[in-house]
């Protein structure tokens, strides 16, 4: 089930409730606009957030810590409140009579006192009675549009916080310097390869270009934006680009090249083409190649490498996944990633997952990036993406890209540099395997 609440709206609601996340229990368009469907999915669950949507564009509902039932009684809840969104702003209406905060009616969906009910009498409508146990105006709450286009109920789950990190990290400037030096001094096993090539693959908006910009920023000593990055429904990257990071302004290139691609999209004929991915992996695709989603690269195209060398091929593939969208990843997109993963596996190329936007996904991490490995929510997301993409959890690396900051942060830098170290270690595995094969063939 995909949530109709935007990530921003979920984050705004959660900010009223502490360090929590929302789990979708009931969606009327799927389970039915009936009280029976609502009670079957939601009874005995708590706390909950109930949300109604209408054709006028209003998003509104209520929160209660009490579990739903069909007792017919009012229940006490001094923390209950109704809400509506005005743009991205949440307007909150606390309960005025806690003893009558929620009414447990078997013939209706969520019923807040005598003030607001969703899926009223098993219909796609709203019951509204402003001023009864909650103070609001109908125009402000739902625009006087009482017809529901959707109703959702979410269970509020506490995000576990661990006392000790489950992955140890040294958060010190000396560690940052050590990681940077390790990257600068890295040398591939094969003398014919001076820079390893890492291919970044991921959905539109996951943060591939932003990751390069962030790594470039770390070595430049200030936030930079060389690669085009931002928020858009279609890929901002339209060309195959290879980015070589330099050790400071005018410095030597680092021994790693990050290859950026057009974003993956759900629909057929949109986004990155599978045949183009194969061409990239094999080293055929020239830098600045203009992607054409309706037609793959052909051998007669300008710049096509017919006989690529080892230095031209991809030595590690990194899937870039938005932590905010792991749980709502579509089946079509998951299938595309699975197809790519199988092909990469068959070619013996190591694979990692870069999980971005961890601060947006988890309020606990947003408070302090050092909480990254103390967050149970981030651990759950890493486990889920590990399962969905079929890679070990040890191959999932969370990072925070620079997107709105003007100054560098040592903690963000350490996560970003650690990701690069993992990529270099993966390429070592690739070269080790290649060397073993060559030794066997020479016997």
Protein backbone atom coordinates (compact mmCIF):
# COMPACT_ATOMS: atom_id res chain seq x y z
CA UNK A 1 0.00 0.00 0.00
CA UNK A 2 1.27 3.44 -0.87
CA UNK A 3 0.54 6.29 1.50
CA UNK A 4 -1.30 9.38 0.28
CA UNK A 5 0.34 11.43 3.01
CA UNK A 6 3.46 13.04 1.62
CA UNK A 7 6.75 12.45 3.41
CA UNK A 8 6.68 16.09 4.51
CA UNK A 9 3.15 15.72 5.95
CA UNK A 10 4.13 12.52 7.79
CA UNK A 11 7.18 14.27 9.22
CA UNK A 12 5.04 17.21 10.34
CA UNK A 13 2.54 14.95 12.11
CA UNK A 14 5.32 12.90 13.73
CA UNK A 15 6.94 16.10 15.03
CA UNK A 16 3.84 16.51 17.23
CA UNK A 17 4.22 13.01 18.69
CA UNK A 18 7.92 12.53 19.45
CA UNK A 19 10.42 10.15 17.86
CA UNK A 20 7.94 8.00 15.96
CA UNK A 21 7.04 6.67 12.52
CA UNK A 22 3.68 5.94 10.85
CA UNK A 23 2.61 2.48 9.71
CA UNK A 24 -0.35 2.34 7.32
CA UNK A 25 -3.07 -0.01 8.64
CA UNK A 26 -6.18 0.83 6.66
CA UNK A 27 -6.77 2.40 3.26
CA UNK A 28 -10.42 2.75 2.31
CA UNK A 29 -9.83 2.65 -1.45
CA UNK A 30 -8.27 -0.80 -0.99
CA UNK A 31 -10.06 -2.29 2.02
CA UNK A 32 -13.43 -0.60 1.52
CA UNK A 33 -15.32 2.45 2.79
CA UNK A 34 -17.04 0.36 5.46
CA UNK A 35 -16.96 0.32 9.24
CA UNK A 36 -16.37 -3.45 9.17
CA UNK A 37 -13.20 -3.06 7.10
CA UNK A 38 -11.99 -0.25 9.34
CA UNK A 39 -12.57 -2.16 12.58
CA UNK A 40 -11.07 -5.35 11.18
CA UNK A 41 -7.83 -3.54 10.35
CA UNK A 42 -7.62 -1.05 13.21
CA UNK A 43 -9.32 -2.34 16.38
CA UNK A 44 -6.97 -2.74 19.34
CA UNK A 45 -4.23 -0.76 17.60
CA UNK A 46 -2.86 2.36 19.25
CA UNK A 47 -1.87 5.12 19.09
CA UNK A 48 -3.30 6.01 15.68
CA UNK A 49 -3.53 8.87 13.21
CA UNK A 50 -6.67 8.90 11.03
CA UNK A 51 -6.62 10.95 7.83
CA UNK A 52 -9.38 11.98 5.44
CA UNK A 53 -8.95 13.37 1.93
CA UNK A 54 -11.55 15.16 -0.22
CA UNK A 55 -11.75 16.34 -3.81
CA UNK A 56 -11.28 19.95 -2.71
CA UNK A 57 -7.73 19.04 -1.68
CA UNK A 58 -8.14 19.08 2.11
CA UNK A 59 -6.10 16.66 4.23
CA UNK A 60 -7.49 16.40 7.76
CA UNK A 61 -8.10 13.97 10.62
CA UNK A 62 -7.29 13.16 14.20
CA UNK A 63 -4.92 11.49 16.65
CA UNK A 64 -5.74 9.32 19.65
CA UNK A 65 -3.63 7.19 21.97
CA UNK A 66 -6.65 4.99 22.72
CA UNK A 67 -7.18 1.72 20.77
CA UNK A 68 -10.32 1.58 18.61
CA UNK A 69 -13.13 -0.82 19.58
CA UNK A 70 -16.87 -1.30 19.01
CA UNK A 71 -18.00 -0.79 22.61
CA UNK A 72 -20.29 2.15 21.83
CA UNK A 73 -18.68 4.12 24.68
CA UNK A 74 -16.76 7.37 24.89
CA UNK A 75 -13.13 6.97 25.99
CA UNK A 76 -10.89 9.41 27.82
CA UNK A 77 -7.84 10.80 26.01
CA UNK A 78 -6.24 14.04 27.15
CA UNK A 79 -3.73 13.90 24.27
CA UNK A 80 -6.22 13.55 21.43
CA UNK A 81 -6.37 16.25 18.78
CA UNK A 82 -7.85 16.99 15.36
CA UNK A 83 -5.80 18.56 12.60
CA UNK A 84 -5.88 19.89 9.06
CA UNK A 85 -3.17 20.98 6.67
CA UNK A 86 -3.00 24.50 5.34
CA UNK A 87 -0.37 24.04 2.67
CA UNK A 88 2.51 22.36 4.53
CA UNK A 89 1.46 23.91 7.85
CA UNK A 90 -0.40 21.76 10.39
CA UNK A 91 -3.36 23.38 12.16
CA UNK A 92 -3.99 21.52 15.42
CA UNK A 93 -7.19 21.43 17.49
CA UNK A 94 -6.68 19.79 20.93
CA UNK A 95 -9.57 18.01 22.65
CA UNK A 96 -11.51 20.31 24.99
CA UNK A 97 -13.38 17.55 26.83
CA UNK A 98 -10.94 14.67 27.32
CA UNK A 99 -13.58 12.36 28.79
CA UNK A 100 -15.38 12.40 25.42
CA UNK A 101 -12.32 12.45 23.17
CA UNK A 102 -13.16 9.38 21.08
CA UNK A 103 -16.38 7.45 20.57
CA UNK A 104 -16.22 3.75 19.77
CA UNK A 105 -18.99 3.25 17.21
CA UNK A 106 -19.36 -0.04 15.32
CA UNK A 107 -21.16 1.54 12.37
CA UNK A 108 -18.49 4.17 11.62
CA UNK A 109 -14.83 4.63 11.00
CA UNK A 110 -12.66 6.85 13.25
CA UNK A 111 -15.05 8.90 15.44
CA UNK A 112 -13.65 11.81 17.45
CA UNK A 113 -16.14 12.77 20.18
CA UNK A 114 -19.18 14.19 18.46
CA UNK A 115 -17.00 16.51 16.39
CA UNK A 116 -15.62 14.55 13.44
CA UNK A 117 -16.13 11.08 11.98
CA UNK A 118 -14.61 9.51 8.87
CA UNK A 119 -16.38 6.78 6.84
CA UNK A 120 -19.59 7.80 8.59
CA UNK A 121 -22.26 5.06 8.59
CA UNK A 122 -20.09 2.98 6.24
CA UNK A 123 -20.10 5.60 3.49
CA UNK A 124 -17.36 7.68 1.89
CA UNK A 125 -18.49 10.76 3.78
CA UNK A 126 -17.52 12.87 6.79
CA UNK A 127 -19.63 13.68 9.83
CA UNK A 128 -18.73 17.16 11.07
CA UNK A 129 -20.03 18.97 14.16
CA UNK A 130 -17.60 21.81 15.04
CA UNK A 131 -17.42 22.93 18.65
CA UNK A 132 -18.41 19.61 20.22
CA UNK A 133 -15.46 18.50 22.36
CA UNK A 134 -13.09 20.06 19.78
CA UNK A 135 -13.03 23.68 18.59
CA UNK A 136 -12.62 24.25 14.86
CA UNK A 137 -14.47 25.67 11.85
CA UNK A 138 -15.80 23.47 9.08
CA UNK A 139 -14.41 25.76 6.39
CA UNK A 140 -10.92 25.57 7.86
CA UNK A 141 -11.03 21.84 8.62
CA UNK A 142 -12.35 20.42 5.33
CA UNK A 143 -13.69 23.33 3.28
CA UNK A 144 -17.28 22.13 3.89
CA UNK A 145 -16.61 19.26 1.47
CA UNK A 146 -17.97 16.19 3.29
CA UNK A 147 -17.31 13.65 0.54
CA UNK A 148 -14.22 11.48 1.04
CA UNK A 149 -11.96 10.46 -1.82
CA UNK A 150 -9.76 8.48 0.57
CA UNK A 151 -9.44 7.57 4.23
CA UNK A 152 -6.30 6.19 5.86
CA UNK A 153 -5.48 5.08 9.38
CA UNK A 154 -1.88 4.83 10.56
CA UNK A 155 -0.51 3.19 13.68
CA UNK A 156 2.05 5.35 15.48
CA UNK A 157 5.15 3.32 16.26
CA UNK A 158 7.95 4.45 18.54
CA UNK A 159 11.33 4.53 16.85
CA UNK A 160 13.69 2.51 19.05
CA UNK A 161 16.82 4.28 20.16
CA UNK A 162 19.81 2.18 21.18
CA UNK A 163 22.16 3.26 23.93
CA UNK A 164 25.16 1.96 22.01
CA UNK A 165 25.61 2.14 18.23
CA UNK A 166 25.27 -1.20 16.44
CA UNK A 167 28.01 -0.09 14.04
CA UNK A 168 30.94 1.63 15.78
CA UNK A 169 32.03 4.94 14.26
CA UNK A 170 34.79 7.31 15.39
CA UNK A 171 33.33 10.80 15.12
CA UNK A 172 36.53 12.85 15.22
CA UNK A 173 38.28 15.21 12.83
CA UNK A 174 41.39 13.00 12.99
CA UNK A 175 39.31 10.11 11.63
CA UNK A 176 38.08 12.30 8.80
CA UNK A 177 41.70 13.14 7.90
CA UNK A 178 42.69 9.47 8.10
CA UNK A 179 39.89 8.44 5.73
CA UNK A 180 40.81 11.15 3.23
CA UNK A 181 44.46 10.06 3.23
CA UNK A 182 43.48 6.40 2.77
CA UNK A 183 41.44 7.32 -0.29
CA UNK A 184 44.21 9.51 -1.75
CA UNK A 185 46.80 6.74 -1.35
CA UNK A 186 44.65 3.90 -2.70
CA UNK A 187 46.18 2.08 -5.66
CA UNK A 188 44.33 -0.53 -7.77
CA UNK A 189 45.96 -3.94 -8.11
CA UNK A 190 46.20 -3.73 -11.91
CA UNK A 191 48.75 -1.20 -13.18
CA UNK A 192 46.60 -0.62 -16.28
CA UNK A 193 43.91 0.91 -14.03
CA UNK A 194 44.82 4.23 -12.39
CA UNK A 195 41.25 5.06 -11.33
CA UNK A 196 38.53 2.58 -10.43
CA UNK A 197 35.11 3.23 -11.95
CA UNK A 198 32.01 3.09 -9.78
CA UNK A 199 28.59 3.20 -11.42
CA UNK A 200 25.78 4.92 -9.49
CA UNK A 201 22.29 3.56 -10.29
CA UNK A 202 19.03 4.57 -8.66
CA UNK A 203 15.53 6.02 -8.98
CA UNK A 204 14.94 9.62 -9.99
CA UNK A 205 15.71 11.96 -7.11
CA UNK A 206 17.51 9.40 -4.94
CA UNK A 207 20.65 11.54 -4.75
CA UNK A 208 23.22 10.14 -7.22
CA UNK A 209 24.43 13.52 -8.47
CA UNK A 210 24.20 14.94 -4.95
CA UNK A 211 26.51 12.19 -3.70
CA UNK A 212 29.22 13.20 -6.17
CA UNK A 213 28.74 16.85 -5.23
CA UNK A 214 29.06 15.90 -1.55
CA UNK A 215 32.27 13.90 -2.04
CA UNK A 216 33.68 16.70 -4.17
CA UNK A 217 32.76 19.15 -1.40
CA UNK A 218 34.67 17.14 1.22
CA UNK A 219 37.88 17.24 -0.80
CA UNK A 220 37.39 20.84 -1.91
CA UNK A 221 36.91 21.98 1.67
CA UNK A 222 33.61 23.72 0.94
CA UNK A 223 30.15 22.85 -0.38
CA UNK A 224 30.18 22.67 -4.18
CA UNK A 225 27.61 21.77 -6.83
CA UNK A 226 29.40 20.67 -10.00
CA UNK A 227 26.85 18.03 -11.00
CA UNK A 228 23.26 19.08 -11.68
CA UNK A 229 21.13 17.97 -8.74
CA UNK A 230 17.71 18.81 -7.33
CA UNK A 231 14.12 17.64 -6.99
CA UNK A 232 12.22 16.69 -10.10
CA UNK A 233 9.73 14.02 -11.23
CA UNK A 234 11.99 13.06 -14.14
CA UNK A 235 15.75 12.60 -14.20
CA UNK A 236 17.84 15.79 -14.11
CA UNK A 237 20.77 13.72 -15.41
CA UNK A 238 20.25 13.17 -19.14
CA UNK A 239 23.81 12.24 -20.08
CA UNK A 240 26.27 9.59 -18.97
CA UNK A 241 28.83 11.50 -16.93
CA UNK A 242 32.08 10.40 -15.37
CA UNK A 243 33.23 12.53 -12.46
CA UNK A 244 36.81 12.48 -11.25
CA UNK A 245 37.22 14.04 -7.81
CA UNK A 246 40.38 16.06 -7.20
CA UNK A 247 42.24 16.30 -3.89
CA UNK A 248 41.56 19.98 -3.42
CA UNK A 249 41.45 22.77 -5.96
CA UNK A 250 44.09 22.06 -8.60
CA UNK A 251 45.06 18.84 -6.81
CA UNK A 252 45.65 15.40 -8.27
CA UNK A 253 42.64 13.28 -9.26
CA UNK A 254 41.62 10.69 -6.67
CA UNK A 255 41.88 7.01 -7.66
CA UNK A 256 38.12 6.75 -8.15
CA UNK A 257 35.72 7.88 -10.86
CA UNK A 258 32.00 8.16 -10.05
CA UNK A 259 29.83 7.43 -13.07
CA UNK A 260 26.44 9.12 -12.99
CA UNK A 261 23.47 7.87 -14.99
CA UNK A 262 19.94 8.83 -15.91
CA UNK A 263 17.54 7.92 -13.10
CA UNK A 264 15.46 4.75 -13.12
CA UNK A 265 11.73 5.25 -13.69
CA UNK A 266 8.79 2.89 -13.22
CA UNK A 267 7.22 3.04 -16.65
CA UNK A 268 8.54 1.20 -19.70
CA UNK A 269 10.40 3.43 -22.16
CA UNK A 270 11.25 6.00 -19.48
CA UNK A 271 14.45 6.54 -17.56
CA UNK A 272 17.61 4.49 -17.93
CA UNK A 273 17.49 1.66 -20.51
CA UNK A 274 18.70 -1.82 -19.50
CA UNK A 275 20.77 -2.19 -22.68
CA UNK A 276 22.50 1.11 -21.92
CA UNK A 277 23.37 -0.20 -18.44
CA UNK A 278 25.03 -3.26 -20.01
CA UNK A 279 26.97 -0.99 -22.37
CA UNK A 280 28.14 1.09 -19.41
CA UNK A 281 29.18 -2.00 -17.43
CA UNK A 282 31.22 -3.27 -20.38
CA UNK A 283 32.91 0.10 -20.90
CA UNK A 284 31.37 0.88 -24.31
CA UNK A 285 29.59 4.11 -23.33
CA UNK A 286 31.49 7.37 -23.91
CA UNK A 287 31.45 10.22 -21.42
CA UNK A 288 28.68 12.81 -22.02
CA UNK A 289 26.65 10.27 -24.02
CA UNK A 290 23.09 11.62 -24.35
CA UNK A 291 20.60 9.02 -23.11
CA UNK A 292 17.67 8.10 -25.31
CA UNK A 293 15.09 6.08 -23.26
CA UNK A 294 13.38 4.88 -26.44
CA UNK A 295 16.56 3.51 -28.05
CA UNK A 296 19.70 1.95 -26.59
CA UNK A 297 23.23 2.84 -27.64
CA UNK A 298 24.37 1.11 -30.85
CA UNK A 299 27.90 0.20 -31.95
CA UNK A 300 27.98 2.85 -34.66
CA UNK A 301 27.23 5.72 -32.29
CA UNK A 302 29.81 8.47 -31.94
CA UNK A 303 32.41 7.63 -29.30
CA UNK A 304 31.35 3.99 -28.94
CA UNK A 305 34.24 1.89 -27.61
CA UNK A 306 34.22 -1.36 -29.57
CA UNK A 307 37.12 -2.89 -27.64
CA UNK A 308 37.13 -1.32 -24.16
CA UNK A 309 40.08 -1.88 -21.83
CA UNK A 310 39.83 -2.91 -18.18
CA UNK A 311 40.20 0.74 -17.16
CA UNK A 312 37.03 1.60 -19.15
CA UNK A 313 34.81 -1.02 -17.52
CA UNK A 314 32.78 -0.68 -14.32
CA UNK A 315 34.49 -2.17 -11.26
CA UNK A 316 31.69 -1.66 -8.71
CA UNK A 317 27.96 -0.91 -8.93
CA UNK A 318 26.28 1.21 -6.24
CA UNK A 319 22.49 1.43 -5.96
CA UNK A 320 21.43 4.80 -4.56
CA UNK A 321 18.18 4.54 -2.59
CA UNK A 322 16.23 7.28 -0.77
CA UNK A 323 15.68 6.14 2.84
CA UNK A 324 12.35 8.00 2.88
CA UNK A 325 11.00 5.85 0.04
CA UNK A 326 12.26 2.37 0.91
CA UNK A 327 8.94 1.23 2.39
CA UNK A 328 6.89 2.60 -0.53
CA UNK A 329 9.11 1.40 -3.37
CA UNK A 330 6.85 0.29 -6.21
CA UNK A 331 6.80 -3.29 -7.47
CA UNK A 332 7.76 -2.15 -10.99
CA UNK A 333 10.81 -0.28 -9.73
CA UNK A 334 11.81 -3.20 -7.52
CA UNK A 335 11.56 -5.52 -10.52
CA UNK A 336 13.79 -3.20 -12.59
CA UNK A 337 16.41 -3.18 -9.85
CA UNK A 338 16.19 -6.97 -9.56
CA UNK A 339 16.81 -7.35 -13.31
CA UNK A 340 19.84 -5.08 -13.10
CA UNK A 341 21.15 -6.85 -9.98
CA UNK A 342 20.96 -10.26 -11.66
CA UNK A 343 22.86 -8.99 -14.70
CA UNK A 344 25.54 -7.36 -12.54
CA UNK A 345 25.85 -10.58 -10.52
CA UNK A 346 26.34 -12.63 -13.69
CA UNK A 347 29.20 -10.30 -14.67
CA UNK A 348 30.92 -10.73 -11.30
CA UNK A 349 30.81 -7.03 -10.43
CA UNK A 350 30.56 -6.19 -6.68
CA UNK A 351 27.45 -4.31 -5.53
CA UNK A 352 26.72 -1.90 -2.69
CA UNK A 353 23.68 0.12 -1.62
CA UNK A 354 23.99 3.78 -0.71
CA UNK A 355 21.02 4.81 1.45
CA UNK A 356 20.58 8.59 1.27
CA UNK A 357 18.45 11.20 3.11
CA UNK A 358 18.70 9.38 6.43
CA UNK A 359 18.15 12.63 8.33
CA UNK A 360 14.85 13.23 6.52
CA UNK A 361 13.72 9.66 7.18
CA UNK A 362 14.40 9.64 10.93
CA UNK A 363 13.85 12.57 13.37
CA UNK A 364 16.34 10.99 15.80
CA UNK A 365 19.06 11.19 13.15
CA UNK A 366 17.91 14.66 12.13
CA UNK A 367 18.66 15.81 15.68
CA UNK A 368 22.22 14.51 15.47
CA UNK A 369 23.82 12.60 12.58
CA UNK A 370 25.87 10.67 15.17
CA UNK A 371 22.63 8.86 16.07
CA UNK A 372 22.68 7.09 12.69
CA UNK A 373 23.69 3.71 14.15
CA UNK A 374 21.64 4.17 17.31
CA UNK A 375 18.42 4.52 15.32
CA UNK A 376 16.29 1.41 15.23
CA UNK A 377 14.32 2.92 12.36
CA UNK A 378 17.41 3.33 10.17
CA UNK A 379 18.42 -0.24 11.04
CA UNK A 380 14.96 -1.43 9.93
CA UNK A 381 15.22 0.52 6.67
CA UNK A 382 18.67 -0.94 6.01
CA UNK A 383 17.35 -4.45 6.65
CA UNK A 384 14.40 -3.81 4.33
CA UNK A 385 16.52 -2.45 1.49
CA UNK A 386 18.92 -5.37 1.99
CA UNK A 387 16.03 -7.80 1.53
CA UNK A 388 14.44 -5.93 -1.40
CA UNK A 389 17.69 -5.62 -3.37
CA UNK A 390 19.13 -8.98 -2.36
CA UNK A 391 22.42 -7.72 -0.91
CA UNK A 392 23.91 -8.40 2.55
CA UNK A 393 23.20 -5.73 5.14
CA UNK A 394 26.97 -5.23 5.43
CA UNK A 395 26.78 -3.86 1.87
CA UNK A 396 24.24 -1.17 2.81
CA UNK A 397 25.88 2.16 3.69
CA UNK A 398 23.80 5.13 4.97
CA UNK A 399 24.89 8.69 4.15
CA UNK A 400 23.68 12.26 4.31
CA UNK A 401 24.42 14.29 1.19
CA UNK A 402 24.95 18.03 1.31
CA UNK A 403 21.78 19.61 -0.07
CA UNK A 404 20.85 22.75 1.86
CA UNK A 405 24.02 23.35 3.90
CA UNK A 406 26.55 26.09 3.17
CA UNK A 407 29.29 24.71 5.42
CA UNK A 408 30.80 21.23 5.80
CA UNK A 409 30.10 19.04 8.83
CA UNK A 410 32.75 16.59 10.04
CA UNK A 411 30.15 13.94 10.93
CA UNK A 412 28.56 14.01 7.46
CA UNK A 413 32.05 13.90 5.94
CA UNK A 414 32.95 10.75 7.90
CA UNK A 415 29.84 8.93 6.63
CA UNK A 416 30.51 10.03 3.04
CA UNK A 417 34.19 9.06 3.16
CA UNK A 418 33.34 5.71 4.75
CA UNK A 419 31.07 5.03 1.77
CA UNK A 420 33.97 5.71 -0.62
CA UNK A 421 36.21 3.38 1.40
CA UNK A 422 33.60 0.61 1.07
CA UNK A 423 33.50 1.19 -2.69
CA UNK A 424 37.29 0.89 -2.93
CA UNK A 425 37.22 -2.32 -0.87
CA UNK A 426 34.58 -3.72 -3.23
CA UNK A 427 36.70 -2.93 -6.27
CA UNK A 428 39.59 -4.76 -4.58
CA UNK A 429 37.34 -7.83 -4.48
CA UNK A 430 36.65 -7.39 -8.21
CA UNK A 431 40.35 -7.22 -9.06
CA UNK A 432 41.20 -10.13 -6.75
CA UNK A 433 38.64 -12.30 -8.53
CA UNK A 434 39.92 -11.17 -11.94
CA UNK A 435 43.50 -11.96 -10.92
CA UNK A 436 42.48 -15.42 -9.72
CA UNK A 437 40.73 -16.14 -13.02
CA UNK A 438 43.76 -15.03 -15.00
CA UNK A 439 46.04 -17.27 -12.93
CA UNK A 440 43.77 -20.24 -13.51
CA UNK A 441 43.63 -19.57 -17.27
CA UNK A 442 47.42 -19.33 -17.45
CA UNK A 443 47.86 -22.82 -15.99
